[in-house]
Amino acid sequence: MRLIKHDVNLRRAIFWNIKQGLPRSLTTIKLEDTFVSVYSKDNPQLLFAMSGYFAED
């Protein structure tokens, strides 16, 4: 699987959205611990892993 620029940007957007929705006093999420890939014409897989949660299609 190739890492494509729009996949990296999507990972950052999802990470920021989830991080903003969680109380800082309860949890800490680091960008280095996340991986996101999406289904597209360039990358025909769906993968998502963050903080121990993993989904694959």
C-alpha atoms as a PDB file:
ATOM      1  CA  MET A   1       0.000   0.000   0.000  1.00  0.00           C
ATOM      2  CA  ARG A   2       1.314   3.426  -0.926  1.00  0.00           C
ATOM      3  CA  LEU A   3       1.106   6.382   1.437  1.00  0.00           C
ATOM      4  CA  ILE A   4      -0.511   9.171  -0.582  1.00  0.00           C
ATOM      5  CA  LYS A   5      -0.494  12.850   0.389  1.00  0.00           C
ATOM      6  CA  HIS A   6      -4.284  13.197   0.638  1.00  0.00           C
ATOM      7  CA  ASP A   7      -4.322  10.146   2.959  1.00  0.00           C
ATOM      8  CA  VAL A   8      -1.834  11.890   5.248  1.00  0.00           C
ATOM      9  CA  ASN A   9      -3.908  15.084   5.241  1.00  0.00           C
ATOM     10  CA  LEU A  10      -7.046  13.076   6.033  1.00  0.00           C
ATOM     11  CA  ARG A  11      -5.257  11.409   8.950  1.00  0.00           C
ATOM     12  CA  ARG A  12      -4.351  14.794  10.383  1.00  0.00           C
ATOM     13  CA  ALA A  13      -7.907  16.106   9.957  1.00  0.00           C
ATOM     14  CA  ILE A  14      -9.470  13.059  11.635  1.00  0.00           C
ATOM     15  CA  PHE A  15      -6.902  13.154  14.431  1.00  0.00           C
ATOM     16  CA  TRP A  16      -7.522  16.851  15.103  1.00  0.00           C
ATOM     17  CA  ASN A  17     -11.306  16.371  15.072  1.00  0.00           C
ATOM     18  CA  ILE A  18     -11.196  13.474  17.551  1.00  0.00           C
ATOM     19  CA  LYS A  19      -8.632  15.195  19.770  1.00  0.00           C
ATOM     20  CA  GLN A  20     -10.768  18.348  20.002  1.00  0.00           C
ATOM     21  CA  GLY A  21     -13.789  16.275  21.058  1.00  0.00           C
ATOM     22  CA  LEU A  22     -12.065  14.595  24.021  1.00  0.00           C
ATOM     23  CA  PRO A  23     -11.508  16.283  27.403  1.00  0.00           C
ATOM     24  CA  ARG A  24      -7.809  16.991  27.949  1.00  0.00           C
ATOM     25  CA  SER A  25      -8.103  16.019  31.607  1.00  0.00           C
ATOM     26  CA  LEU A  26      -9.124  12.439  30.689  1.00  0.00           C
ATOM     27  CA  THR A  27      -6.907  11.431  27.788  1.00  0.00           C
ATOM     28  CA  THR A  28      -3.917  12.259  25.621  1.00  0.00           C
ATOM     29  CA  ILE A  29      -3.681  11.233  21.971  1.00  0.00           C
ATOM     30  CA  LYS A  30      -0.482  11.625  19.979  1.00  0.00           C
ATOM     31  CA  LEU A  31      -0.349  11.927  16.200  1.00  0.00           C
ATOM     32  CA  GLU A  32       2.526   9.419  16.059  1.00  0.00           C
ATOM     33  CA  ASP A  33       0.187   6.696  17.379  1.00  0.00           C
ATOM     34  CA  THR A  34      -2.372   7.042  14.571  1.00  0.00           C
ATOM     35  CA  PHE A  35      -2.700   5.587  11.101  1.00  0.00           C
ATOM     36  CA  VAL A  36      -5.475   6.250   8.607  1.00  0.00           C
ATOM     37  CA  SER A  37      -5.910   5.219   5.007  1.00  0.00           C
ATOM     38  CA  VAL A  38      -9.022   5.546   2.895  1.00  0.00           C
ATOM     39  CA  TYR A  39     -10.577   3.875  -0.121  1.00  0.00           C
ATOM     40  CA  SER A  40      -9.809   5.813  -3.269  1.00  0.00           C
ATOM     41  CA  LYS A  41      -8.878   5.134  -6.871  1.00  0.00           C
ATOM     42  CA  ASP A  42      -5.202   5.362  -5.860  1.00  0.00           C
ATOM     43  CA  ASN A  43      -5.494   3.281  -2.699  1.00  0.00           C
ATOM     44  CA  PRO A  44      -8.140   0.521  -2.743  1.00  0.00           C
ATOM     45  CA  GLN A  45      -8.051  -0.275   0.994  1.00  0.00           C
ATOM     46  CA  LEU A  46      -9.727   1.072   4.098  1.00  0.00           C
ATOM     47  CA  LEU A  47      -7.509   1.010   7.174  1.00  0.00           C
ATOM     48  CA  PHE A  48      -7.835   2.913  10.430  1.00  0.00           C
ATOM     49  CA  ALA A  49      -5.941   2.509  13.693  1.00  0.00           C
ATOM     50  CA  MET A  50      -5.910   4.876  16.651  1.00  0.00           C
ATOM     51  CA  SER A  51      -5.219   4.268  20.342  1.00  0.00           C
ATOM     52  CA  GLY A  52      -5.724   0.526  20.146  1.00  0.00           C
ATOM     53  CA  TYR A  53      -8.818   0.675  17.925  1.00  0.00           C
ATOM     54  CA  PHE A  54      -8.322  -0.886  14.504  1.00  0.00           C
ATOM     55  CA  ALA A  55     -10.644  -1.326  11.525  1.00  0.00           C
ATOM     56  CA  GLU A  56      -9.807  -2.948   8.198  1.00  0.00           C
ATOM     57  CA  ASP A  57     -11.876  -3.546   5.099  1.00  0.00           C
END
